[in-house]
Amino acid sequence: CLPHLAVFSLFLSSGFFAYLKPPSISSPSLDLAVSVLYSVVPPALNPLIYSLRNQELK
């Protein structure tokens, strides 16, 4: 449950940051980093989370 909450909080915080950041700190590299955190990292961590869950159930 804790890994799920960690990935979910990462997903939400990067989304909040992407939409609520002030325009004065906008840069293409920062936008790219936030979009990678938002769209690539959570799905990439899902297999790791579910493998941990399967080990706990065994």
PDB file of N, CA and C in Angstrom:
ATOM      1  N   CYS A   1       0.824  -1.189   0.000  1.00  0.00           N
ATOM      2  CA  CYS A   1       0.000   0.000   0.000  1.00  0.00           C
ATOM      3  C   CYS A   1       0.875   1.261   0.000  1.00  0.00           C
ATOM      4  N   LEU A   2       1.967   1.244   0.723  1.00  0.00           N
ATOM      5  CA  LEU A   2       2.837   2.411   0.780  1.00  0.00           C
ATOM      6  C   LEU A   2       3.470   2.737  -0.582  1.00  0.00           C
ATOM      7  N   PRO A   3       3.947   1.752  -1.348  1.00  0.00           N
ATOM      8  CA  PRO A   3       4.471   2.096  -2.676  1.00  0.00           C
ATOM      9  C   PRO A   3       3.407   2.686  -3.602  1.00  0.00           C
ATOM     10  N   HIS A   4       2.171   2.175  -3.497  1.00  0.00           N
ATOM     11  CA  HIS A   4       1.091   2.744  -4.305  1.00  0.00           C
ATOM     12  C   HIS A   4       0.856   4.211  -3.939  1.00  0.00           C
ATOM     13  N   LEU A   5       0.849   4.507  -2.654  1.00  0.00           N
ATOM     14  CA  LEU A   5       0.652   5.889  -2.222  1.00  0.00           C
ATOM     15  C   LEU A   5       1.811   6.791  -2.649  1.00  0.00           C
ATOM     16  N   ALA A   6       3.013   6.263  -2.645  1.00  0.00           N
ATOM     17  CA  ALA A   6       4.168   7.060  -3.061  1.00  0.00           C
ATOM     18  C   ALA A   6       4.077   7.409  -4.543  1.00  0.00           C
ATOM     19  N   VAL A   7       3.728   6.443  -5.379  1.00  0.00           N
ATOM     20  CA  VAL A   7       3.608   6.713  -6.810  1.00  0.00           C
ATOM     21  C   VAL A   7       2.429   7.638  -7.087  1.00  0.00           C
ATOM     22  N   PHE A   8       1.335   7.430  -6.366  1.00  0.00           N
ATOM     23  CA  PHE A   8       0.170   8.290  -6.542  1.00  0.00           C
ATOM     24  C   PHE A   8       0.482   9.729  -6.144  1.00  0.00           C
ATOM     25  N   SER A   9       1.216   9.911  -5.046  1.00  0.00           N
ATOM     26  CA  SER A   9       1.572  11.275  -4.629  1.00  0.00           C
ATOM     27  C   SER A   9       2.555  11.908  -5.611  1.00  0.00           C
ATOM     28  N   LEU A  10       3.467  11.125  -6.186  1.00  0.00           N
ATOM     29  CA  LEU A  10       4.372  11.646  -7.209  1.00  0.00           C
ATOM     30  C   LEU A  10       3.581  12.087  -8.431  1.00  0.00           C
ATOM     31  N   PHE A  11       2.605  11.281  -8.831  1.00  0.00           N
ATOM     32  CA  PHE A  11       1.755  11.584  -9.972  1.00  0.00           C
ATOM     33  C   PHE A  11       0.974  12.882  -9.734  1.00  0.00           C
ATOM     34  N   LEU A  12       0.359  13.004  -8.571  1.00  0.00           N
ATOM     35  CA  LEU A  12      -0.429  14.199  -8.277  1.00  0.00           C
ATOM     36  C   LEU A  12       0.437  15.447  -8.114  1.00  0.00           C
ATOM     37  N   SER A  13       1.549  15.314  -7.415  1.00  0.00           N
ATOM     38  CA  SER A  13       2.383  16.493  -7.178  1.00  0.00           C
ATOM     39  C   SER A  13       2.997  17.017  -8.475  1.00  0.00           C
ATOM     40  N   SER A  14       3.409  16.126  -9.372  1.00  0.00           N
ATOM     41  CA  SER A  14       3.952  16.613 -10.640  1.00  0.00           C
ATOM     42  C   SER A  14       2.856  17.243 -11.493  1.00  0.00           C
ATOM     43  N   GLY A  15       1.650  16.703 -11.440  1.00  0.00           N
ATOM     44  CA  GLY A  15       0.535  17.313 -12.162  1.00  0.00           C
ATOM     45  C   GLY A  15       0.170  18.674 -11.605  1.00  0.00           C
ATOM     46  N   PHE A  16       0.120  18.783 -10.278  1.00  0.00           N
ATOM     47  CA  PHE A  16      -0.165  20.073  -9.655  1.00  0.00           C
ATOM     48  C   PHE A  16       0.913  21.101 -10.000  1.00  0.00           C
ATOM     49  N   PHE A  17       2.168  20.669  -9.967  1.00  0.00           N
ATOM     50  CA  PHE A  17       3.257  21.582 -10.280  1.00  0.00           C
ATOM     51  C   PHE A  17       3.186  22.050 -11.732  1.00  0.00           C
ATOM     52  N   ALA A  18       2.823  21.140 -12.633  1.00  0.00           N
ATOM     53  CA  ALA A  18       2.763  21.494 -14.052  1.00  0.00           C
ATOM     54  C   ALA A  18       1.687  22.539 -14.316  1.00  0.00           C
ATOM     55  N   TYR A  19       0.571  22.438 -13.637  1.00  0.00           N
ATOM     56  CA  TYR A  19      -0.533  23.351 -13.904  1.00  0.00           C
ATOM     57  C   TYR A  19      -0.541  24.595 -13.027  1.00  0.00           C
ATOM     58  N   LEU A  20       0.127  24.569 -11.888  1.00  0.00           N
ATOM     59  CA  LEU A  20       0.067  25.700 -10.970  1.00  0.00           C
ATOM     60  C   LEU A  20       1.363  26.501 -10.870  1.00  0.00           C
ATOM     61  N   LYS A  21       2.382  26.130 -11.638  1.00  0.00           N
ATOM     62  CA  LYS A  21       3.643  26.868 -11.551  1.00  0.00           C
ATOM     63  C   LYS A  21       3.488  28.250 -12.182  1.00  0.00           C
ATOM     64  N   PRO A  22       4.186  29.232 -11.627  1.00  0.00           N
ATOM     65  CA  PRO A  22       4.106  30.575 -12.199  1.00  0.00           C
ATOM     66  C   PRO A  22       4.776  30.628 -13.570  1.00  0.00           C
ATOM     67  N   PRO A  23       4.254  31.438 -14.472  1.00  0.00           N
ATOM     68  CA  PRO A  23       4.861  31.526 -15.810  1.00  0.00           C
ATOM     69  C   PRO A  23       6.282  32.089 -15.800  1.00  0.00           C
ATOM     70  N   SER A  24       6.661  32.750 -14.736  1.00  0.00           N
ATOM     71  CA  SER A  24       7.999  33.342 -14.691  1.00  0.00           C
ATOM     72  C   SER A  24       9.100  32.288 -14.607  1.00  0.00           C
ATOM     73  N   ILE A  25       8.788  31.083 -14.125  1.00  0.00           N
ATOM     74  CA  ILE A  25       9.819  30.047 -14.040  1.00  0.00           C
ATOM     75  C   ILE A  25       9.661  29.002 -15.145  1.00  0.00           C
ATOM     76  N   SER A  26       8.958  29.344 -16.200  1.00  0.00           N
ATOM     77  CA  SER A  26       8.739  28.409 -17.295  1.00  0.00           C
ATOM     78  C   SER A  26       9.995  28.290 -18.152  1.00  0.00           C
ATOM     79  N   SER A  27      10.427  27.075 -18.358  1.00  0.00           N
ATOM     80  CA  SER A  27      11.539  26.805 -19.265  1.00  0.00           C
ATOM     81  C   SER A  27      11.265  25.460 -19.934  1.00  0.00           C
ATOM     82  N   PRO A  28      11.755  25.266 -21.136  1.00  0.00           N
ATOM     83  CA  PRO A  28      11.483  24.001 -21.838  1.00  0.00           C
ATOM     84  C   PRO A  28      12.050  22.775 -21.113  1.00  0.00           C
ATOM     85  N   SER A  29      13.210  22.919 -20.501  1.00  0.00           N
ATOM     86  CA  SER A  29      13.791  21.762 -19.814  1.00  0.00           C
ATOM     87  C   SER A  29      12.991  21.400 -18.558  1.00  0.00           C
ATOM     88  N   LEU A  30      12.488  22.399 -17.843  1.00  0.00           N
ATOM     89  CA  LEU A  30      11.659  22.138 -16.670  1.00  0.00           C
ATOM     90  C   LEU A  30      10.333  21.505 -17.090  1.00  0.00           C
ATOM     91  N   ASP A  31       9.745  21.983 -18.176  1.00  0.00           N
ATOM     92  CA  ASP A  31       8.509  21.402 -18.687  1.00  0.00           C
ATOM     93  C   ASP A  31       8.719  19.950 -19.111  1.00  0.00           C
ATOM     94  N   LEU A  32       9.844  19.658 -19.722  1.00  0.00           N
ATOM     95  CA  LEU A  32      10.157  18.296 -20.125  1.00  0.00           C
ATOM     96  C   LEU A  32      10.320  17.388 -18.910  1.00  0.00           C
ATOM     97  N   ALA A  33      11.026  17.869 -17.894  1.00  0.00           N
ATOM     98  CA  ALA A  33      11.234  17.062 -16.688  1.00  0.00           C
ATOM     99  C   ALA A  33       9.911  16.769 -15.993  1.00  0.00           C
ATOM    100  N   VAL A  34       9.049  17.760 -15.901  1.00  0.00           N
ATOM    101  CA  VAL A  34       7.756  17.559 -15.251  1.00  0.00           C
ATOM    102  C   VAL A  34       6.890  16.610 -16.063  1.00  0.00           C
ATOM    103  N   SER A  35       6.918  16.728 -17.382  1.00  0.00           N
ATOM    104  CA  SER A  35       6.103  15.831 -18.200  1.00  0.00           C
ATOM    105  C   SER A  35       6.602  14.390 -18.127  1.00  0.00           C
ATOM    106  N   VAL A  36       7.905  14.200 -18.015  1.00  0.00           N
ATOM    107  CA  VAL A  36       8.439  12.843 -17.845  1.00  0.00           C
ATOM    108  C   VAL A  36       8.028  12.284 -16.489  1.00  0.00           C
ATOM    109  N   LEU A  37       8.126  13.104 -15.438  1.00  0.00           N
ATOM    110  CA  LEU A  37       7.690  12.650 -14.118  1.00  0.00           C
ATOM    111  C   LEU A  37       6.211  12.297 -14.110  1.00  0.00           C
ATOM    112  N   TYR A  38       5.432  13.044 -14.847  1.00  0.00           N
ATOM    113  CA  TYR A  38       3.981  12.858 -14.849  1.00  0.00           C
ATOM    114  C   TYR A  38       3.545  11.662 -15.693  1.00  0.00           C
ATOM    115  N   SER A  39       4.212  11.439 -16.814  1.00  0.00           N
ATOM    116  CA  SER A  39       3.702  10.437 -17.746  1.00  0.00           C
ATOM    117  C   SER A  39       4.527   9.161 -17.850  1.00  0.00           C
ATOM    118  N   VAL A  40       5.790   9.183 -17.501  1.00  0.00           N
ATOM    119  CA  VAL A  40       6.639   8.008 -17.703  1.00  0.00           C
ATOM    120  C   VAL A  40       6.950   7.275 -16.401  1.00  0.00           C
ATOM    121  N   VAL A  41       7.233   8.009 -15.352  1.00  0.00           N
ATOM    122  CA  VAL A  41       7.698   7.380 -14.116  1.00  0.00           C
ATOM    123  C   VAL A  41       6.632   6.507 -13.444  1.00  0.00           C
ATOM    124  N   PRO A  42       5.396   6.975 -13.232  1.00  0.00           N
ATOM    125  CA  PRO A  42       4.410   6.095 -12.565  1.00  0.00           C
ATOM    126  C   PRO A  42       4.138   4.780 -13.295  1.00  0.00           C
ATOM    127  N   PRO A  43       3.931   4.781 -14.634  1.00  0.00           N
ATOM    128  CA  PRO A  43       3.754   3.479 -15.290  1.00  0.00           C
ATOM    129  C   PRO A  43       5.009   2.601 -15.249  1.00  0.00           C
ATOM    130  N   ALA A  44       6.176   3.225 -15.225  1.00  0.00           N
ATOM    131  CA  ALA A  44       7.408   2.439 -15.159  1.00  0.00           C
ATOM    132  C   ALA A  44       7.578   1.786 -13.789  1.00  0.00           C
ATOM    133  N   LEU A  45       7.039   2.403 -12.744  1.00  0.00           N
ATOM    134  CA  LEU A  45       7.162   1.846 -11.394  1.00  0.00           C
ATOM    135  C   LEU A  45       6.092   0.795 -11.086  1.00  0.00           C
ATOM    136  N   ASN A  46       5.035   0.731 -11.873  1.00  0.00           N
ATOM    137  CA  ASN A  46       3.963  -0.230 -11.602  1.00  0.00           C
ATOM    138  C   ASN A  46       4.433  -1.687 -11.566  1.00  0.00           C
ATOM    139  N   PRO A  47       5.239  -2.165 -12.514  1.00  0.00           N
ATOM    140  CA  PRO A  47       5.697  -3.563 -12.409  1.00  0.00           C
ATOM    141  C   PRO A  47       6.496  -3.834 -11.135  1.00  0.00           C
ATOM    142  N   LEU A  48       7.289  -2.871 -10.716  1.00  0.00           N
ATOM    143  CA  LEU A  48       8.050  -3.023  -9.475  1.00  0.00           C
ATOM    144  C   LEU A  48       7.116  -3.117  -8.279  1.00  0.00           C
ATOM    145  N   ILE A  49       6.110  -2.289  -8.244  1.00  0.00           N
ATOM    146  CA  ILE A  49       5.163  -2.290  -7.122  1.00  0.00           C
ATOM    147  C   ILE A  49       4.409  -3.609  -7.070  1.00  0.00           C
ATOM    148  N   TYR A  50       3.932  -4.074  -8.218  1.00  0.00           N
ATOM    149  CA  TYR A  50       3.161  -5.312  -8.211  1.00  0.00           C
ATOM    150  C   TYR A  50       4.028  -6.535  -7.944  1.00  0.00           C
ATOM    151  N   SER A  51       5.311  -6.493  -8.294  1.00  0.00           N
ATOM    152  CA  SER A  51       6.185  -7.611  -7.945  1.00  0.00           C
ATOM    153  C   SER A  51       6.428  -7.631  -6.439  1.00  0.00           C
ATOM    154  N   LEU A  52       6.524  -6.465  -5.800  1.00  0.00           N
ATOM    155  CA  LEU A  52       6.648  -6.427  -4.340  1.00  0.00           C
ATOM    156  C   LEU A  52       5.387  -6.966  -3.683  1.00  0.00           C
ATOM    157  N   ARG A  53       4.258  -6.632  -4.243  1.00  0.00           N
ATOM    158  CA  ARG A  53       2.985  -7.097  -3.683  1.00  0.00           C
ATOM    159  C   ARG A  53       2.871  -8.618  -3.800  1.00  0.00           C
ATOM    160  N   ASN A  54       3.297  -9.175  -4.931  1.00  0.00           N
ATOM    161  CA  ASN A  54       3.226 -10.621  -5.110  1.00  0.00           C
ATOM    162  C   ASN A  54       4.154 -11.349  -4.146  1.00  0.00           C
ATOM    163  N   GLN A  55       5.300 -10.771  -3.829  1.00  0.00           N
ATOM    164  CA  GLN A  55       6.202 -11.390  -2.875  1.00  0.00           C
ATOM    165  C   GLN A  55       5.625 -11.354  -1.467  1.00  0.00           C
ATOM    166  N   GLU A  56       4.886 -10.306  -1.139  1.00  0.00           N
ATOM    167  CA  GLU A  56       4.268 -10.213   0.185  1.00  0.00           C
ATOM    168  C   GLU A  56       3.149 -11.233   0.333  1.00  0.00           C
ATOM    169  N   LEU A  57       2.438 -11.527  -0.750  1.00  0.00           N
ATOM    170  CA  LEU A  57       1.321 -12.457  -0.685  1.00  0.00           C
ATOM    171  C   LEU A  57       1.772 -13.906  -0.581  1.00  0.00           C
ATOM    172  N   LYS A  58       2.970 -14.216  -1.076  1.00  0.00           N
ATOM    173  CA  LYS A  58       3.452 -15.602  -1.059  1.00  0.00           C
ATOM    174  C   LYS A  58       3.871 -16.035   0.285  1.00  0.00           C
TER     175      LYS A  58
END
